[in-house]
Amino acid sequence: MGFEYLKSLKIGVYIPGELAGEIEKLMKNSGVESLSKIIQESLRMYIAEHSWVTEGDVVGALGVIYDHEVEHVDEEITNIQHKYLETVVSTLHIHLDLRHCLLIVSVRGCSRVVKALANELEKLRGVKLVRYMLMPKYV
């Protein structure tokens, strides 16, 4: 029996102290009183971000935040982009502070290839976050 048949599901979740503190601050500042509501919204956002097309062509961008002071990370990111020349359309490099950069990688192509590109970027030492903004190529 899958979860879809349940009216609701009660679970226990481990949340590290630092993350719990950030959530508590956001709850106070936003007036949200229910941690369950925040977790539900977070799960909906996770589903929306990760349920993009798993077959077929997509267009969009990958946002990559990384620490450029980590040895060879810039070179490794460039090498990965060259490996995916058919998929990477262009890039935009933004300096966030003295150490951190945001790289926006415009992509077009097979969703499995885009996912492979993102996975390679995520595995690099120095990469802190990779986010997708992808849509089916033909809507």
Protein backbone atom coordinates (compact mmCIF):
# COMPACT_ATOMS: atom_id res chain seq x y z
CA MET A 1 0.00 0.00 0.00
CA GLY A 2 1.40 3.38 -1.02
CA PHE A 3 1.17 6.69 0.82
CA GLU A 4 -1.40 8.04 -1.65
CA TYR A 5 -4.11 5.97 0.06
CA LEU A 6 -3.54 7.59 3.46
CA LYS A 7 -5.51 10.59 4.66
CA SER A 8 -2.35 11.82 6.36
CA LEU A 9 1.00 10.46 7.51
CA LYS A 10 2.65 11.21 10.84
CA ILE A 11 6.44 10.87 10.86
CA GLY A 12 9.42 11.73 13.06
CA VAL A 13 12.12 13.93 11.54
CA TYR A 14 15.64 14.63 12.80
CA ILE A 15 16.51 18.32 12.39
CA PRO A 16 20.05 19.51 13.27
CA GLY A 17 20.19 22.27 15.89
CA GLU A 18 21.50 24.94 13.51
CA LEU A 19 18.69 24.28 11.03
CA ALA A 20 16.10 24.20 13.83
CA GLY A 21 17.35 27.61 15.00
CA GLU A 22 16.99 29.06 11.50
CA ILE A 23 13.48 27.65 11.19
CA GLU A 24 12.54 29.10 14.57
CA LYS A 25 13.75 32.58 13.52
CA LEU A 26 11.80 32.37 10.25
CA MET A 27 8.67 31.26 12.09
CA LYS A 28 8.90 34.23 14.47
CA ASN A 29 9.60 36.72 11.66
CA SER A 30 6.87 35.41 9.37
CA GLY A 31 4.21 34.79 12.00
CA VAL A 32 3.89 31.11 11.07
CA GLU A 33 3.09 29.13 14.19
CA SER A 34 3.03 25.57 12.84
CA LEU A 35 6.21 23.64 12.16
CA SER A 36 4.04 21.05 10.37
CA LYS A 37 2.92 23.74 7.89
CA ILE A 38 6.53 24.70 7.18
CA ILE A 39 7.54 21.08 6.62
CA GLN A 40 4.50 20.52 4.38
CA GLU A 41 5.39 23.59 2.30
CA SER A 42 9.02 22.46 2.13
CA LEU A 43 7.95 19.03 0.89
CA ARG A 44 5.71 20.61 -1.76
CA MET A 45 8.61 22.79 -2.94
CA TYR A 46 10.92 19.76 -3.02
CA ILE A 47 8.40 17.83 -5.12
CA ALA A 48 7.92 20.78 -7.48
CA GLU A 49 11.68 21.19 -7.92
CA HIS A 50 12.42 17.52 -8.47
CA SER A 51 9.44 16.23 -10.41
CA TRP A 52 10.42 17.87 -13.69
CA VAL A 53 10.39 15.76 -16.79
CA THR A 54 12.45 12.58 -16.43
CA GLU A 55 12.21 11.77 -20.11
CA GLY A 56 12.39 14.09 -23.08
CA ASP A 57 13.93 17.49 -23.66
CA VAL A 58 14.15 20.33 -21.17
CA VAL A 59 15.32 23.95 -21.19
CA GLY A 60 16.32 26.11 -18.28
CA ALA A 61 19.18 26.82 -15.95
CA LEU A 62 21.28 25.34 -13.19
CA GLY A 63 22.34 27.68 -10.40
CA VAL A 64 25.63 26.69 -8.78
CA ILE A 65 27.02 28.37 -5.66
CA TYR A 66 30.63 27.48 -4.98
CA ASP A 67 33.72 28.54 -3.07
CA HIS A 68 36.25 29.57 -5.71
CA GLU A 69 39.08 29.39 -3.16
CA VAL A 70 38.81 25.60 -3.14
CA GLU A 71 41.77 24.41 -5.20
CA HIS A 72 40.96 23.66 -8.86
CA VAL A 73 37.17 24.04 -8.49
CA ASP A 74 36.92 26.67 -11.26
CA GLU A 75 38.93 24.47 -13.61
CA GLU A 76 36.87 21.38 -12.74
CA ILE A 77 33.59 23.24 -13.32
CA THR A 78 34.87 24.43 -16.72
CA ASN A 79 35.97 20.89 -17.65
CA ILE A 80 32.52 19.51 -16.81
CA GLN A 81 30.87 22.21 -18.94
CA HIS A 82 33.09 21.28 -21.88
CA LYS A 83 32.16 17.63 -21.39
CA TYR A 84 28.51 18.66 -21.94
CA LEU A 85 28.98 21.02 -24.92
CA GLU A 86 25.76 19.80 -26.56
CA THR A 87 23.79 20.68 -23.39
CA VAL A 88 25.42 23.85 -21.99
CA VAL A 89 24.19 26.86 -23.95
CA SER A 90 25.92 29.63 -21.98
CA THR A 91 26.96 30.66 -18.48
CA LEU A 92 26.83 33.74 -16.28
CA HIS A 93 29.38 34.15 -13.48
CA ILE A 94 28.46 36.36 -10.50
CA HIS A 95 30.79 37.24 -7.61
CA LEU A 96 28.82 37.00 -4.34
CA ASP A 97 31.67 37.94 -2.01
CA LEU A 98 35.44 37.47 -1.78
CA ARG A 99 35.13 33.65 -1.71
CA HIS A 100 31.79 32.66 -3.19
CA CYS A 101 30.46 32.74 -6.73
CA LEU A 102 27.14 32.01 -8.37
CA LEU A 103 27.35 30.33 -11.76
CA ILE A 104 24.16 30.24 -13.81
CA VAL A 105 24.41 27.54 -16.48
CA SER A 106 21.82 27.78 -19.26
CA VAL A 107 20.98 24.30 -20.51
CA ARG A 108 19.01 22.68 -23.30
CA GLY A 109 18.65 18.99 -24.09
CA CYS A 110 17.73 15.56 -22.80
CA SER A 111 16.61 15.68 -19.16
CA ARG A 112 18.78 12.65 -18.27
CA VAL A 113 21.87 14.43 -19.63
CA VAL A 114 21.00 17.64 -17.73
CA LYS A 115 20.59 15.57 -14.56
CA ALA A 116 23.98 13.91 -15.16
CA LEU A 117 25.58 17.36 -15.62
CA ALA A 118 24.00 18.60 -12.36
CA ASN A 119 25.11 15.45 -10.51
CA GLU A 120 28.71 15.94 -11.62
CA LEU A 121 28.65 19.56 -10.48
CA GLU A 122 27.11 18.62 -7.11
CA LYS A 123 29.91 16.14 -6.41
CA LEU A 124 32.70 18.68 -6.80
CA ARG A 125 34.60 19.71 -3.68
CA GLY A 126 33.82 23.41 -3.14
CA VAL A 127 30.34 23.32 -4.68
CA LYS A 128 27.89 24.26 -1.95
CA LEU A 129 24.55 24.20 -3.74
CA VAL A 130 23.08 23.29 -7.11
CA ARG A 131 19.51 24.34 -7.95
CA TYR A 132 17.43 23.55 -11.01
CA MET A 133 15.02 25.75 -12.93
CA LEU A 134 13.94 23.44 -15.73
CA MET A 135 10.89 23.15 -17.95
CA PRO A 136 9.83 20.77 -20.67
CA LYS A 137 11.21 22.08 -23.99
CA TYR A 138 7.86 21.75 -25.71
CA VAL A 139 4.93 22.79 -23.57
